[in-house]
Protein backbone atom coordinates (compact mmCIF):
# COMPACT_ATOMS: atom_id res chain seq x y z
CA PHE A 1 -103.12 195.06 145.60
CA ASN A 2 -101.25 193.12 143.11
CA THR A 3 -104.49 193.33 141.01
CA PRO A 4 -107.52 196.23 140.72
CA SER A 5 -109.90 192.94 141.48
CA GLU A 6 -108.09 192.73 145.02
CA THR A 7 -108.94 196.53 145.88
CA MET A 8 -112.27 195.93 144.80
CA LEU A 9 -113.09 192.78 146.49
CA SER A 10 -111.24 194.35 150.02
CA LEU A 11 -113.61 197.94 149.94
CA CYS A 12 -116.44 195.89 149.45
CA PHE A 13 -116.02 193.32 152.45
CA ILE A 14 -115.20 196.13 154.37
CA ALA A 15 -118.57 198.00 153.43
CA LEU A 16 -120.25 195.05 154.29
CA ILE A 17 -118.65 194.34 157.39
CA SER A 18 -119.44 197.81 158.94
CA LEU A 19 -123.13 196.94 157.71
CA SER A 20 -122.84 193.79 160.35
CA ILE A 21 -121.57 195.25 163.50
CA PRO A 22 -124.41 194.90 166.12
CA LEU A 23 -125.74 198.34 167.24
CA SER A 24 -125.61 199.34 170.95
CA LYS A 25 -129.02 200.44 172.39
CA ALA A 26 -127.71 203.75 172.65
CA GLN A 27 -126.60 203.50 169.13
CA THR A 28 -129.88 203.97 167.15
CA LYS A 29 -128.60 205.11 164.01
CA LYS A 30 -127.55 202.52 161.22
CA PRO A 31 -123.62 204.49 159.52
CA ASN A 32 -123.93 206.06 156.46
CA ILE A 33 -121.24 204.20 154.33
CA VAL A 34 -119.39 205.71 151.10
CA TRP A 35 -117.62 203.33 148.82
CA VAL A 36 -114.97 204.78 146.20
CA LEU A 37 -114.26 201.65 143.59
CA THR A 38 -111.13 202.34 141.67
CA ASP A 39 -109.87 200.70 139.12
CA ASP A 40 -106.42 199.15 137.69
CA GLN A 41 -103.99 200.52 140.52
CA ASP A 42 -101.71 197.33 140.25
CA VAL A 43 -98.63 197.24 141.75
CA THR A 44 -96.95 196.20 138.14
CA LEU A 45 -97.91 198.91 136.55
CA ASP A 46 -97.09 201.57 139.39
CA GLY A 47 -100.65 202.68 138.76
CA MET A 48 -100.78 205.26 142.10
CA LYS A 49 -97.29 206.67 141.23
CA ILE A 50 -98.40 209.93 139.87
CA MET A 51 -101.82 210.02 142.08
CA ASP A 52 -100.10 212.60 144.54
CA LYS A 53 -103.17 213.92 146.11
CA THR A 54 -104.71 210.36 146.16
CA ASN A 55 -101.93 209.04 147.68
CA GLN A 56 -101.76 212.12 150.56
CA LEU A 57 -105.55 212.17 151.25
CA ILE A 58 -106.29 208.43 150.87
CA VAL A 59 -103.00 206.17 150.75
CA ASP A 60 -101.22 207.82 153.49
CA GLN A 61 -104.07 208.60 155.80
CA GLY A 62 -106.20 204.88 155.08
CA ILE A 63 -105.46 201.18 155.35
CA THR A 64 -103.32 199.22 152.63
CA PHE A 65 -104.02 195.53 152.54
CA LYS A 66 -100.20 194.29 151.31
CA ASN A 67 -101.75 190.48 151.06
CA GLY A 68 -104.85 190.25 149.41
CA PHE A 69 -105.61 187.47 147.11
CA VAL A 70 -108.51 187.26 144.19
CA HIS A 71 -110.08 184.04 142.74
CA SER A 72 -110.20 185.42 139.10
CA PRO A 73 -109.27 189.05 138.55
CA ILE A 74 -110.85 189.47 135.44
CA CYS A 75 -112.99 192.44 135.17
CA CYS A 76 -116.93 191.29 134.91
CA ILE A 77 -115.94 188.35 136.94
CA SER A 78 -114.67 190.00 139.95
CA ARG A 79 -117.68 192.84 139.49
CA SER A 80 -120.30 190.24 140.05
CA SER A 81 -118.53 188.32 142.68
CA TYR A 82 -118.40 191.86 144.67
CA MET A 83 -121.73 192.31 143.87
CA SER A 84 -123.02 188.94 144.95
CA GLY A 85 -120.98 187.58 147.69
CA ARG A 86 -120.54 184.77 145.37
CA TYR A 87 -117.41 182.83 143.79
CA VAL A 88 -116.79 182.40 139.71
CA HIS A 89 -118.36 178.80 140.42
CA ASN A 90 -121.41 180.14 142.38
CA ASN A 91 -122.26 183.63 139.96
CA LYS A 92 -121.69 181.87 137.09
CA CYS A 93 -120.21 184.98 135.77
CA ILE A 94 -116.84 183.40 133.55
CA GLY A 95 -116.04 186.23 131.28
CA ASN A 96 -117.17 189.93 129.89
CA GLY A 97 -119.75 188.85 127.20
CA ILE A 98 -123.23 188.32 127.83
CA ALA A 99 -122.30 184.63 127.01
CA ALA A 100 -120.50 184.38 129.52
CA ASN A 101 -123.32 185.76 131.81
CA CYS A 102 -121.45 189.60 132.26
CA SER A 103 -125.20 190.76 132.89
CA SER A 104 -127.29 188.68 131.22
CA PRO A 105 -130.68 188.30 131.30
CA TRP A 106 -130.00 184.97 133.50
CA TRP A 107 -127.91 186.48 135.70
CA GLN A 108 -130.42 189.15 135.87
CA GLU A 109 -133.19 186.99 137.17
CA ASN A 110 -131.03 184.51 139.21
CA ILE A 111 -128.29 186.27 140.96
CA GLU A 112 -128.92 190.15 140.85
CA PRO A 113 -131.93 189.63 142.56
CA THR A 114 -130.11 188.79 146.14
CA CYS A 115 -126.96 191.30 145.47
CA PHE A 116 -125.84 193.24 148.41
CA ALA A 117 -127.76 196.43 147.14
CA ALA A 118 -131.09 194.56 147.50
CA TYR A 119 -130.51 193.43 150.93
CA VAL A 120 -129.15 196.72 152.28
CA GLN A 121 -133.05 198.18 150.84
CA LYS A 122 -134.49 195.68 152.70
CA ALA A 123 -132.70 197.22 156.27
CA GLY A 124 -134.01 200.38 155.05
CA TYR A 125 -130.99 202.16 153.73
CA GLN A 126 -131.44 204.40 150.67
CA THR A 127 -128.93 203.43 148.30
CA PHE A 128 -127.22 205.28 145.57
CA TYR A 129 -124.70 204.10 142.37
CA ALA A 130 -122.93 206.17 140.27
CA GLY A 131 -120.35 204.79 137.38
CA LYS A 132 -119.05 201.41 135.50
CA TYR A 133 -121.50 198.42 136.78
CA LEU A 134 -120.96 195.18 134.91
CA ASN A 135 -119.05 195.17 131.29
CA GLN A 136 -122.14 194.26 129.65
CA TYR A 137 -124.64 196.81 131.17
CA GLY A 138 -126.80 198.28 128.94
CA ASN A 139 -126.99 195.67 126.53
CA ASN A 140 -130.31 195.82 124.73
CA ALA A 141 -130.07 192.01 125.17
CA ALA A 142 -130.24 192.16 128.29
CA GLY A 143 -132.65 194.93 128.96
CA GLY A 144 -131.14 197.89 127.62
CA LEU A 145 -130.46 201.14 129.91
CA ALA A 146 -133.98 200.70 131.15
CA HIS A 147 -133.20 198.29 133.20
CA ILE A 148 -132.09 199.20 136.76
CA PRO A 149 -130.53 196.67 139.34
CA PRO A 150 -132.87 195.60 142.09
CA GLY A 151 -131.90 197.91 146.18
CA TRP A 152 -131.02 200.90 144.06
CA THR A 153 -133.26 204.14 144.67
CA HIS A 154 -131.12 206.11 142.77
CA TRP A 155 -129.16 204.77 139.77
CA TYR A 156 -126.58 206.24 137.84
CA GLY A 157 -125.24 203.08 135.66
CA LEU A 158 -122.53 203.45 132.93
CA ASP A 159 -124.00 201.96 129.74
CA GLY A 160 -121.07 199.43 128.67
CA ASN A 161 -117.56 199.15 129.67
CA SER A 162 -114.77 202.16 130.36
CA LYS A 163 -115.40 205.66 128.82
CA TYR A 164 -114.69 208.83 129.82
CA TYR A 165 -116.01 211.06 127.05
CA ASN A 166 -118.66 210.58 124.39
CA TYR A 167 -120.72 207.69 126.55
CA LYS A 168 -124.25 206.85 127.63
CA ILE A 169 -125.71 206.48 131.39
CA SER A 170 -129.23 205.50 132.76
CA ASN A 171 -130.36 208.01 134.60
CA ASN A 172 -132.82 205.96 136.74
CA GLY A 173 -133.72 204.09 134.23
CA VAL A 174 -133.83 206.96 131.35
CA PRO A 175 -130.72 207.11 128.78
CA GLU A 176 -128.56 209.90 128.95
CA SER A 177 -125.92 210.19 126.83
CA PHE A 178 -122.77 212.58 127.02
CA GLY A 179 -120.00 214.58 124.64
CA HIS A 180 -116.96 215.24 124.49
CA ASN A 181 -116.77 218.50 126.51
CA TYR A 182 -113.48 218.48 128.25
CA THR A 183 -114.87 220.01 131.59
CA ALA A 184 -118.18 219.43 131.19
CA ASP A 185 -118.40 215.70 130.72
CA TYR A 186 -115.58 214.57 131.92
CA TYR A 187 -116.67 211.00 133.51
CA THR A 188 -115.04 211.47 136.71
CA ASP A 189 -116.47 215.09 137.53
CA VAL A 190 -120.11 213.67 136.71
CA ILE A 191 -119.98 211.08 139.09
CA ARG A 192 -118.94 213.50 141.47
CA ASN A 193 -121.26 216.09 140.53
CA GLN A 194 -124.22 213.17 140.50
CA ALA A 195 -123.02 212.08 144.45
CA MET A 196 -123.48 215.96 145.45
CA GLY A 197 -126.69 215.89 143.63
CA PHE A 198 -127.80 212.89 146.12
CA LEU A 199 -126.05 214.72 149.15
CA ASP A 200 -127.74 218.13 148.64
CA GLU A 201 -131.25 216.30 147.71
CA TYR A 202 -130.49 213.93 151.50
CA TYR A 203 -129.81 216.79 153.89
CA LYS A 204 -132.23 218.74 151.80
CA ASN A 205 -135.08 216.24 152.93
CA TYR A 206 -133.88 215.78 156.36
CA SER A 207 -132.46 219.48 157.76
CA THR A 208 -135.07 220.24 160.04
CA ASP A 209 -134.09 216.80 161.65
CA LEU A 210 -131.41 214.67 160.80
CA SER A 211 -132.17 211.86 163.67
CA SER A 212 -135.13 210.68 161.01
CA ALA A 213 -132.52 210.57 158.22
CA PRO A 214 -133.01 207.20 156.94
CA PRO A 215 -129.06 205.46 156.33
CA PHE A 216 -127.67 205.81 153.12
CA VAL A 217 -124.82 203.43 151.22
CA MET A 218 -123.43 205.81 148.36
CA VAL A 219 -121.16 203.95 145.54
CA MET A 220 -118.96 205.88 143.52
CA ALA A 221 -117.64 203.53 140.65
CA THR A 222 -114.94 204.77 138.45
CA PRO A 223 -114.17 202.95 135.07
CA SER A 224 -110.88 202.38 134.57
């Protein structure tokens, strides 16, 4: 991909396409969806070169889209687009600030209720999100960390922009702070632990009869 946004939008497209596949009569259970959102892996900076394990485990065994396009390769604008499924002129986010409708009160009231999480939840999915959301998420001018976007049953959204240490998250609407301990607070590991906790709880609740378990959508969104 030429920009991080192309990666985001393509992964979103794949996830939503998998939701739209009609189920046969014999296939009664909807698929679980795991979406790993990454950032800043553009061709110019050769951001993937140093990630040997990622290349071996994912890139070499997956699919690379060599002809992808994005309308606005800017952080919050692209994130608003893949969350809402709308172009910038329809989702009205035009920049990375509150005044530009990046997680603004207007955006939360008018766009967020129709983002994809609300639809998959209505379709019977449990939903999990951990990581960076929109750049201004957590801003006191937009509800702070108590705000949980519609559709998420398990919410661990990062306060603001990209950080790996000394950050806050919204733990299902309750602020939670992390420090600078090298092993305990590194944000990528925290996202992993939150995801594993969700899966452990999920299988514990339905271990006696997995056929009755609802499907889930899990989004792990590492910051840049």
